[in-house]
């Protein structure tokens, strides 16, 4: 999908173009050109064991294996990595 110019008069060509498939016009009727776009992806973080050591890893989306982020860490039973969650609600 290539764009040679922006829909706004006098604006430069956009760096990124996002195409959205909709089923009805009401899905996007309130969205204006230049509106902010928020996206997300599912990520799971965990302490996992590999090669006899513990590591912090993450799985993105439907991945079946963890990507190593840092480590080695202390084993969970030895007071290894802990997280504290705070909720303002």
PDB file of N, CA and C in Angstrom:
ATOM      1  N   UNK A   1       0.857  -1.161   0.000  1.00  0.00           N
ATOM      2  CA  UNK A   1       0.000   0.000   0.000  1.00  0.00           C
ATOM      3  C   UNK A   1       0.903   1.223   0.000  1.00  0.00           C
ATOM      4  N   UNK A   2       0.972   1.920  -1.071  1.00  0.00           N
ATOM      5  CA  UNK A   2       1.835   3.083  -1.142  1.00  0.00           C
ATOM      6  C   UNK A   2       1.047   4.366  -1.277  1.00  0.00           C
ATOM      7  N   UNK A   3       1.430   5.350  -0.537  1.00  0.00           N
ATOM      8  CA  UNK A   3       0.808   6.665  -0.629  1.00  0.00           C
ATOM      9  C   UNK A   3       1.857   7.656  -1.082  1.00  0.00           C
ATOM     10  N   UNK A   4       1.495   8.499  -2.028  1.00  0.00           N
ATOM     11  CA  UNK A   4       2.446   9.507  -2.494  1.00  0.00           C
ATOM     12  C   UNK A   4       2.297  10.814  -1.746  1.00  0.00           C
ATOM     13  N   UNK A   5       1.157  11.011  -1.076  1.00  0.00           N
ATOM     14  CA  UNK A   5       0.958  12.244  -0.318  1.00  0.00           C
ATOM     15  C   UNK A   5      -0.052  12.010   0.797  1.00  0.00           C
ATOM     16  N   UNK A   6      -0.057  12.925   1.737  1.00  0.00           N
ATOM     17  CA  UNK A   6      -0.990  12.873   2.862  1.00  0.00           C
ATOM     18  C   UNK A   6      -2.290  13.550   2.456  1.00  0.00           C
ATOM     19  N   UNK A   7      -3.403  13.134   3.073  1.00  0.00           N
ATOM     20  CA  UNK A   7      -4.703  13.729   2.772  1.00  0.00           C
ATOM     21  C   UNK A   7      -4.821  15.160   3.287  1.00  0.00           C
ATOM     22  N   UNK A   8      -3.990  15.555   4.237  1.00  0.00           N
ATOM     23  CA  UNK A   8      -4.019  16.925   4.741  1.00  0.00           C
ATOM     24  C   UNK A   8      -3.278  17.831   3.774  1.00  0.00           C
ATOM     25  N   UNK A   9      -3.864  18.954   3.395  1.00  0.00           N
ATOM     26  CA  UNK A   9      -3.185  19.873   2.474  1.00  0.00           C
ATOM     27  C   UNK A   9      -1.866  20.377   3.067  1.00  0.00           C
ATOM     28  N   UNK A  10      -0.800  20.311   2.294  1.00  0.00           N
ATOM     29  CA  UNK A  10       0.496  20.817   2.725  1.00  0.00           C
ATOM     30  C   UNK A  10       1.283  19.897   3.629  1.00  0.00           C
ATOM     31  N   UNK A  11       0.746  18.746   3.992  1.00  0.00           N
ATOM     32  CA  UNK A  11       1.445  17.821   4.890  1.00  0.00           C
ATOM     33  C   UNK A  11       2.378  16.913   4.091  1.00  0.00           C
ATOM     34  N   UNK A  12       3.387  16.359   4.761  1.00  0.00           N
ATOM     35  CA  UNK A  12       4.336  15.464   4.096  1.00  0.00           C
ATOM     36  C   UNK A  12       3.763  14.055   3.982  1.00  0.00           C
ATOM     37  N   UNK A  13       4.410  13.239   3.192  1.00  0.00           N
ATOM     38  CA  UNK A  13       4.023  11.843   3.035  1.00  0.00           C
ATOM     39  C   UNK A  13       4.163  11.131   4.381  1.00  0.00           C
ATOM     40  N   UNK A  14       3.192  10.327   4.793  1.00  0.00           N
ATOM     41  CA  UNK A  14       3.279   9.651   6.091  1.00  0.00           C
ATOM     42  C   UNK A  14       4.364   8.585   6.108  1.00  0.00           C
ATOM     43  N   UNK A  15       4.966   8.383   7.299  1.00  0.00           N
ATOM     44  CA  UNK A  15       5.978   7.343   7.476  1.00  0.00           C
ATOM     45  C   UNK A  15       5.348   5.955   7.521  1.00  0.00           C
ATOM     46  N   UNK A  16       4.136   5.886   8.036  1.00  0.00           N
ATOM     47  CA  UNK A  16       3.458   4.611   8.220  1.00  0.00           C
ATOM     48  C   UNK A  16       2.005   4.759   7.812  1.00  0.00           C
ATOM     49  N   UNK A  17       1.503   3.789   7.110  1.00  0.00           N
ATOM     50  CA  UNK A  17       0.099   3.780   6.711  1.00  0.00           C
ATOM     51  C   UNK A  17      -0.523   2.512   7.268  1.00  0.00           C
ATOM     52  N   UNK A  18      -1.676   2.647   7.905  1.00  0.00           N
ATOM     53  CA  UNK A  18      -2.377   1.503   8.463  1.00  0.00           C
ATOM     54  C   UNK A  18      -3.688   1.341   7.715  1.00  0.00           C
ATOM     55  N   UNK A  19      -3.923   0.157   7.195  1.00  0.00           N
ATOM     56  CA  UNK A  19      -5.174  -0.121   6.505  1.00  0.00           C
ATOM     57  C   UNK A  19      -6.047  -0.935   7.443  1.00  0.00           C
ATOM     58  N   UNK A  20      -7.291  -0.508   7.622  1.00  0.00           N
ATOM     59  CA  UNK A  20      -8.213  -1.170   8.534  1.00  0.00           C
ATOM     60  C   UNK A  20      -9.370  -1.741   7.729  1.00  0.00           C
ATOM     61  N   UNK A  21      -9.664  -3.009   7.926  1.00  0.00           N
ATOM     62  CA  UNK A  21     -10.809  -3.637   7.271  1.00  0.00           C
ATOM     63  C   UNK A  21     -12.010  -3.539   8.203  1.00  0.00           C
ATOM     64  N   UNK A  22     -13.105  -3.003   7.709  1.00  0.00           N
ATOM     65  CA  UNK A  22     -14.310  -2.841   8.520  1.00  0.00           C
ATOM     66  C   UNK A  22     -15.475  -3.531   7.829  1.00  0.00           C
ATOM     67  N   UNK A  23     -16.476  -3.878   8.630  1.00  0.00           N
ATOM     68  CA  UNK A  23     -17.643  -4.547   8.062  1.00  0.00           C
ATOM     69  C   UNK A  23     -18.780  -3.580   7.780  1.00  0.00           C
ATOM     70  N   UNK A  24     -18.852  -2.493   8.535  1.00  0.00           N
ATOM     71  CA  UNK A  24     -19.880  -1.479   8.292  1.00  0.00           C
ATOM     72  C   UNK A  24     -19.265  -0.097   8.432  1.00  0.00           C
ATOM     73  N   UNK A  25     -19.872   0.881   7.815  1.00  0.00           N
ATOM     74  CA  UNK A  25     -19.353   2.244   7.882  1.00  0.00           C
ATOM     75  C   UNK A  25     -19.387   2.774   9.314  1.00  0.00           C
ATOM     76  N   UNK A  26     -20.326   2.320  10.120  1.00  0.00           N
ATOM     77  CA  UNK A  26     -20.435   2.790  11.498  1.00  0.00           C
ATOM     78  C   UNK A  26     -19.198   2.424  12.315  1.00  0.00           C
ATOM     79  N   UNK A  27     -18.452   1.404  11.901  1.00  0.00           N
ATOM     80  CA  UNK A  27     -17.239   1.008  12.625  1.00  0.00           C
ATOM     81  C   UNK A  27     -16.215   2.133  12.678  1.00  0.00           C
ATOM     82  N   UNK A  28     -16.156   2.942  11.635  1.00  0.00           N
ATOM     83  CA  UNK A  28     -15.121   3.973  11.538  1.00  0.00           C
ATOM     84  C   UNK A  28     -15.671   5.371  11.293  1.00  0.00           C
ATOM     85  N   UNK A  29     -16.968   5.556  11.388  1.00  0.00           N
ATOM     86  CA  UNK A  29     -17.565   6.846  11.039  1.00  0.00           C
ATOM     87  C   UNK A  29     -17.076   7.994  11.920  1.00  0.00           C
ATOM     88  N   UNK A  30     -16.649   7.718  13.149  1.00  0.00           N
ATOM     89  CA  UNK A  30     -16.206   8.784  14.050  1.00  0.00           C
ATOM     90  C   UNK A  30     -14.694   9.006  14.008  1.00  0.00           C
ATOM     91  N   UNK A  31     -13.971   8.202  13.246  1.00  0.00           N
ATOM     92  CA  UNK A  31     -12.514   8.341  13.175  1.00  0.00           C
ATOM     93  C   UNK A  31     -12.154   9.386  12.131  1.00  0.00           C
ATOM     94  N   UNK A  32     -11.317  10.343  12.523  1.00  0.00           N
ATOM     95  CA  UNK A  32     -10.903  11.403  11.614  1.00  0.00           C
ATOM     96  C   UNK A  32      -9.479  11.159  11.137  1.00  0.00           C
ATOM     97  N   UNK A  33      -9.152  11.729   9.979  1.00  0.00           N
ATOM     98  CA  UNK A  33      -7.791  11.640   9.459  1.00  0.00           C
ATOM     99  C   UNK A  33      -6.847  12.252  10.487  1.00  0.00           C
ATOM    100  N   UNK A  34      -5.768  11.558  10.795  1.00  0.00           N
ATOM    101  CA  UNK A  34      -4.792  12.042  11.767  1.00  0.00           C
ATOM    102  C   UNK A  34      -5.098  11.647  13.197  1.00  0.00           C
ATOM    103  N   UNK A  35      -6.191  10.909  13.416  1.00  0.00           N
ATOM    104  CA  UNK A  35      -6.546  10.490  14.768  1.00  0.00           C
ATOM    105  C   UNK A  35      -5.493   9.526  15.312  1.00  0.00           C
ATOM    106  N   UNK A  36      -5.347   9.504  16.625  1.00  0.00           N
ATOM    107  CA  UNK A  36      -4.397   8.594  17.269  1.00  0.00           C
ATOM    108  C   UNK A  36      -4.840   7.153  17.073  1.00  0.00           C
ATOM    109  N   UNK A  37      -3.886   6.262  16.989  1.00  0.00           N
ATOM    110  CA  UNK A  37      -4.156   4.840  16.826  1.00  0.00           C
ATOM    111  C   UNK A  37      -3.452   4.096  17.953  1.00  0.00           C
ATOM    112  N   UNK A  38      -4.196   3.305  18.693  1.00  0.00           N
ATOM    113  CA  UNK A  38      -3.609   2.516  19.778  1.00  0.00           C
ATOM    114  C   UNK A  38      -3.683   1.048  19.404  1.00  0.00           C
ATOM    115  N   UNK A  39      -2.602   0.360  19.641  1.00  0.00           N
ATOM    116  CA  UNK A  39      -2.562  -1.069  19.370  1.00  0.00           C
ATOM    117  C   UNK A  39      -2.020  -1.788  20.596  1.00  0.00           C
ATOM    118  N   UNK A  40      -2.148  -3.084  20.606  1.00  0.00           N
ATOM    119  CA  UNK A  40      -1.591  -3.879  21.690  1.00  0.00           C
ATOM    120  C   UNK A  40      -1.253  -5.259  21.150  1.00  0.00           C
ATOM    121  N   UNK A  41      -0.452  -5.958  21.901  1.00  0.00           N
ATOM    122  CA  UNK A  41      -0.192  -7.355  21.609  1.00  0.00           C
ATOM    123  C   UNK A  41      -0.056  -8.089  22.930  1.00  0.00           C
ATOM    124  N   UNK A  42      -0.483  -9.328  22.944  1.00  0.00           N
ATOM    125  CA  UNK A  42      -0.413 -10.152  24.137  1.00  0.00           C
ATOM    126  C   UNK A  42       1.022 -10.603  24.377  1.00  0.00           C
ATOM    127  N   UNK A  43       1.497 -10.362  25.594  1.00  0.00           N
ATOM    128  CA  UNK A  43       2.846 -10.770  25.978  1.00  0.00           C
ATOM    129  C   UNK A  43       2.763 -11.430  27.348  1.00  0.00           C
ATOM    130  N   UNK A  44       3.436 -12.554  27.502  1.00  0.00           N
ATOM    131  CA  UNK A  44       3.479 -13.246  28.787  1.00  0.00           C
ATOM    132  C   UNK A  44       4.928 -13.287  29.261  1.00  0.00           C
ATOM    133  N   UNK A  45       5.158 -12.815  30.485  1.00  0.00           N
ATOM    134  CA  UNK A  45       6.488 -12.846  31.094  1.00  0.00           C
ATOM    135  C   UNK A  45       6.516 -13.964  32.128  1.00  0.00           C
ATOM    136  N   UNK A  46       7.634 -14.657  32.225  1.00  0.00           N
ATOM    137  CA  UNK A  46       7.741 -15.743  33.202  1.00  0.00           C
ATOM    138  C   UNK A  46       9.203 -16.034  33.507  1.00  0.00           C
ATOM    139  N   UNK A  47       9.399 -16.594  34.687  1.00  0.00           N
ATOM    140  CA  UNK A  47      10.707 -17.127  35.042  1.00  0.00           C
ATOM    141  C   UNK A  47      10.675 -18.599  34.626  1.00  0.00           C
ATOM    142  N   UNK A  48      11.611 -18.991  33.797  1.00  0.00           N
ATOM    143  CA  UNK A  48      11.612 -20.361  33.293  1.00  0.00           C
ATOM    144  C   UNK A  48      13.006 -20.966  33.444  1.00  0.00           C
ATOM    145  N   UNK A  49      13.052 -22.295  33.397  1.00  0.00           N
ATOM    146  CA  UNK A  49      14.313 -23.002  33.588  1.00  0.00           C
ATOM    147  C   UNK A  49      14.807 -23.554  32.256  1.00  0.00           C
ATOM    148  N   UNK A  50      16.091 -23.328  31.988  1.00  0.00           N
ATOM    149  CA  UNK A  50      16.742 -23.869  30.792  1.00  0.00           C
ATOM    150  C   UNK A  50      18.204 -24.119  31.128  1.00  0.00           C
ATOM    151  N   UNK A  51      18.686 -25.284  30.782  1.00  0.00           N
ATOM    152  CA  UNK A  51      20.081 -25.612  31.054  1.00  0.00           C
ATOM    153  C   UNK A  51      20.418 -25.637  32.528  1.00  0.00           C
ATOM    154  N   UNK A  52      19.432 -25.959  33.374  1.00  0.00           N
ATOM    155  CA  UNK A  52      19.669 -26.017  34.812  1.00  0.00           C
ATOM    156  C   UNK A  52      19.702 -24.657  35.494  1.00  0.00           C
ATOM    157  N   UNK A  53      19.424 -23.583  34.768  1.00  0.00           N
ATOM    158  CA  UNK A  53      19.407 -22.230  35.338  1.00  0.00           C
ATOM    159  C   UNK A  53      18.047 -21.587  35.088  1.00  0.00           C
ATOM    160  N   UNK A  54      17.772 -20.543  35.871  1.00  0.00           N
ATOM    161  CA  UNK A  54      16.499 -19.828  35.758  1.00  0.00           C
ATOM    162  C   UNK A  54      16.698 -18.514  35.018  1.00  0.00           C
ATOM    163  N   UNK A  55      15.748 -18.194  34.161  1.00  0.00           N
ATOM    164  CA  UNK A  55      15.825 -17.017  33.300  1.00  0.00           C
ATOM    165  C   UNK A  55      14.486 -16.293  33.287  1.00  0.00           C
ATOM    166  N   UNK A  56      14.521 -14.995  33.009  1.00  0.00           N
ATOM    167  CA  UNK A  56      13.300 -14.235  32.760  1.00  0.00           C
ATOM    168  C   UNK A  56      13.110 -14.216  31.252  1.00  0.00           C
ATOM    169  N   UNK A  57      11.923 -14.603  30.825  1.00  0.00           N
ATOM    170  CA  UNK A  57      11.647 -14.631  29.396  1.00  0.00           C
ATOM    171  C   UNK A  57      10.265 -14.109  29.092  1.00  0.00           C
ATOM    172  N   UNK A  58       9.994 -13.971  27.807  1.00  0.00           N
ATOM    173  CA  UNK A  58       8.660 -13.544  27.387  1.00  0.00           C
ATOM    174  C   UNK A  58       8.221 -14.342  26.171  1.00  0.00           C
ATOM    175  N   UNK A  59       6.909 -14.511  26.077  1.00  0.00           N
ATOM    176  CA  UNK A  59       6.282 -15.122  24.906  1.00  0.00           C
ATOM    177  C   UNK A  59       5.345 -14.082  24.321  1.00  0.00           C
ATOM    178  N   UNK A  60       5.443 -13.881  23.037  1.00  0.00           N
ATOM    179  CA  UNK A  60       4.609 -12.896  22.354  1.00  0.00           C
ATOM    180  C   UNK A  60       3.532 -13.622  21.564  1.00  0.00           C
ATOM    181  N   UNK A  61       2.285 -13.158  21.728  1.00  0.00           N
ATOM    182  CA  UNK A  61       1.174 -13.743  20.971  1.00  0.00           C
ATOM    183  C   UNK A  61       0.982 -15.213  21.274  1.00  0.00           C
ATOM    184  N   UNK A  62       0.988 -16.031  20.230  1.00  0.00           N
ATOM    185  CA  UNK A  62       0.758 -17.465  20.391  1.00  0.00           C
ATOM    186  C   UNK A  62       2.052 -18.272  20.394  1.00  0.00           C
ATOM    187  N   UNK A  63       3.177 -17.619  20.628  1.00  0.00           N
ATOM    188  CA  UNK A  63       4.467 -18.321  20.657  1.00  0.00           C
ATOM    189  C   UNK A  63       4.438 -19.424  21.706  1.00  0.00           C
ATOM    190  N   UNK A  64       5.143 -20.505  21.441  1.00  0.00           N
ATOM    191  CA  UNK A  64       5.173 -21.634  22.376  1.00  0.00           C
ATOM    192  C   UNK A  64       6.451 -21.677  23.202  1.00  0.00           C
ATOM    193  N   UNK A  65       7.430 -20.853  22.863  1.00  0.00           N
ATOM    194  CA  UNK A  65       8.684 -20.821  23.613  1.00  0.00           C
ATOM    195  C   UNK A  65       8.954 -19.407  24.117  1.00  0.00           C
ATOM    196  N   UNK A  66       9.752 -19.336  25.168  1.00  0.00           N
ATOM    197  CA  UNK A  66      10.111 -18.044  25.749  1.00  0.00           C
ATOM    198  C   UNK A  66      11.369 -17.488  25.099  1.00  0.00           C
ATOM    199  N   UNK A  67      11.388 -16.191  24.924  1.00  0.00           N
ATOM    200  CA  UNK A  67      12.576 -15.468  24.473  1.00  0.00           C
ATOM    201  C   UNK A  67      13.307 -15.008  25.728  1.00  0.00           C
ATOM    202  N   UNK A  68      14.577 -15.330  25.847  1.00  0.00           N
ATOM    203  CA  UNK A  68      15.345 -14.975  27.043  1.00  0.00           C
ATOM    204  C   UNK A  68      15.555 -13.470  27.109  1.00  0.00           C
ATOM    205  N   UNK A  69      15.204 -12.869  28.261  1.00  0.00           N
ATOM    206  CA  UNK A  69      15.398 -11.438  28.470  1.00  0.00           C
ATOM    207  C   UNK A  69      16.588 -11.152  29.371  1.00  0.00           C
ATOM    208  N   UNK A  70      16.692 -11.898  30.475  1.00  0.00           N
ATOM    209  CA  UNK A  70      17.808 -11.689  31.404  1.00  0.00           C
ATOM    210  C   UNK A  70      18.004 -12.932  32.266  1.00  0.00           C
ATOM    211  N   UNK A  71      19.148 -13.013  32.878  1.00  0.00           N
ATOM    212  CA  UNK A  71      19.445 -14.135  33.747  1.00  0.00           C
ATOM    213  C   UNK A  71      20.901 -14.509  33.627  1.00  0.00           C
ATOM    214  N   UNK A  72      21.351 -15.513  34.337  1.00  0.00           N
ATOM    215  CA  UNK A  72      20.559 -16.396  35.186  1.00  0.00           C
ATOM    216  C   UNK A  72      20.090 -15.706  36.469  1.00  0.00           C
ATOM    217  N   UNK A  73      19.004 -16.228  37.011  1.00  0.00           N
ATOM    218  CA  UNK A  73      18.388 -15.692  38.224  1.00  0.00           C
ATOM    219  C   UNK A  73      18.397 -16.756  39.315  1.00  0.00           C
ATOM    220  N   UNK A  74      18.149 -16.324  40.545  1.00  0.00           N
ATOM    221  CA  UNK A  74      17.967 -17.288  41.629  1.00  0.00           C
ATOM    222  C   UNK A  74      16.702 -18.090  41.355  1.00  0.00           C
ATOM    223  N   UNK A  75      16.688 -19.325  41.799  1.00  0.00           N
ATOM    224  CA  UNK A  75      15.503 -20.167  41.641  1.00  0.00           C
ATOM    225  C   UNK A  75      14.328 -19.549  42.391  1.00  0.00           C
ATOM    226  N   UNK A  76      13.099 -19.766  41.915  1.00  0.00           N
ATOM    227  CA  UNK A  76      11.930 -19.195  42.596  1.00  0.00           C
ATOM    228  C   UNK A  76      11.865 -19.564  44.078  1.00  0.00           C
ATOM    229  N   UNK A  77      12.212 -20.798  44.430  1.00  0.00           N
ATOM    230  CA  UNK A  77      12.186 -21.230  45.825  1.00  0.00           C
ATOM    231  C   UNK A  77      13.283 -20.622  46.679  1.00  0.00           C
ATOM    232  N   UNK A  78      14.274 -20.011  46.048  1.00  0.00           N
ATOM    233  CA  UNK A  78      15.394 -19.403  46.771  1.00  0.00           C
ATOM    234  C   UNK A  78      15.265 -17.886  46.832  1.00  0.00           C
ATOM    235  N   UNK A  79      14.047 -17.391  46.639  1.00  0.00           N
ATOM    236  CA  UNK A  79      13.826 -15.944  46.701  1.00  0.00           C
ATOM    237  C   UNK A  79      14.213 -15.236  45.418  1.00  0.00           C
ATOM    238  N   UNK A  80      14.034 -15.911  44.311  1.00  0.00           N
ATOM    239  CA  UNK A  80      14.382 -15.331  43.008  1.00  0.00           C
ATOM    240  C   UNK A  80      13.533 -14.121  42.666  1.00  0.00           C
ATOM    241  N   UNK A  81      13.335 -13.914  41.419  1.00  0.00           N
ATOM    242  CA  UNK A  81      12.636 -12.749  40.897  1.00  0.00           C
ATOM    243  C   UNK A  81      11.220 -12.637  41.451  1.00  0.00           C
ATOM    244  N   UNK A  82      10.842 -11.429  41.875  1.00  0.00           N
ATOM    245  CA  UNK A  82       9.468 -11.172  42.320  1.00  0.00           C
ATOM    246  C   UNK A  82       8.966  -9.896  41.666  1.00  0.00           C
ATOM    247  N   UNK A  83       7.675  -9.815  41.499  1.00  0.00           N
ATOM    248  CA  UNK A  83       7.032  -8.627  40.946  1.00  0.00           C
ATOM    249  C   UNK A  83       6.046  -8.081  41.960  1.00  0.00           C
ATOM    250  N   UNK A  84       5.929  -6.770  42.026  1.00  0.00           N
ATOM    251  CA  UNK A  84       4.916  -6.115  42.856  1.00  0.00           C
ATOM    252  C   UNK A  84       3.999  -5.357  41.910  1.00  0.00           C
ATOM    253  N   UNK A  85       2.709  -5.619  41.998  1.00  0.00           N
ATOM    254  CA  UNK A  85       1.729  -4.982  41.122  1.00  0.00           C
ATOM    255  C   UNK A  85       0.957  -3.937  41.904  1.00  0.00           C
ATOM    256  N   UNK A  86       0.789  -2.790  41.312  1.00  0.00           N
ATOM    257  CA  UNK A  86       0.066  -1.696  41.952  1.00  0.00           C
ATOM    258  C   UNK A  86      -1.118  -1.317  41.081  1.00  0.00           C
ATOM    259  N   UNK A  87      -2.263  -1.164  41.708  1.00  0.00           N
ATOM    260  CA  UNK A  87      -3.477  -0.798  40.992  1.00  0.00           C
ATOM    261  C   UNK A  87      -4.033   0.458  41.640  1.00  0.00           C
ATOM    262  N   UNK A  88      -4.251   1.485  40.843  1.00  0.00           N
ATOM    263  CA  UNK A  88      -4.741   2.748  41.394  1.00  0.00           C
ATOM    264  C   UNK A  88      -6.253   2.790  41.496  1.00  0.00           C
ATOM    265  N   UNK A  89      -6.921   1.749  41.050  1.00  0.00           N
ATOM    266  CA  UNK A  89      -8.391   1.760  41.106  1.00  0.00           C
ATOM    267  C   UNK A  89      -8.902   1.297  42.435  1.00  0.00           C
TER     268      UNK A  89
END
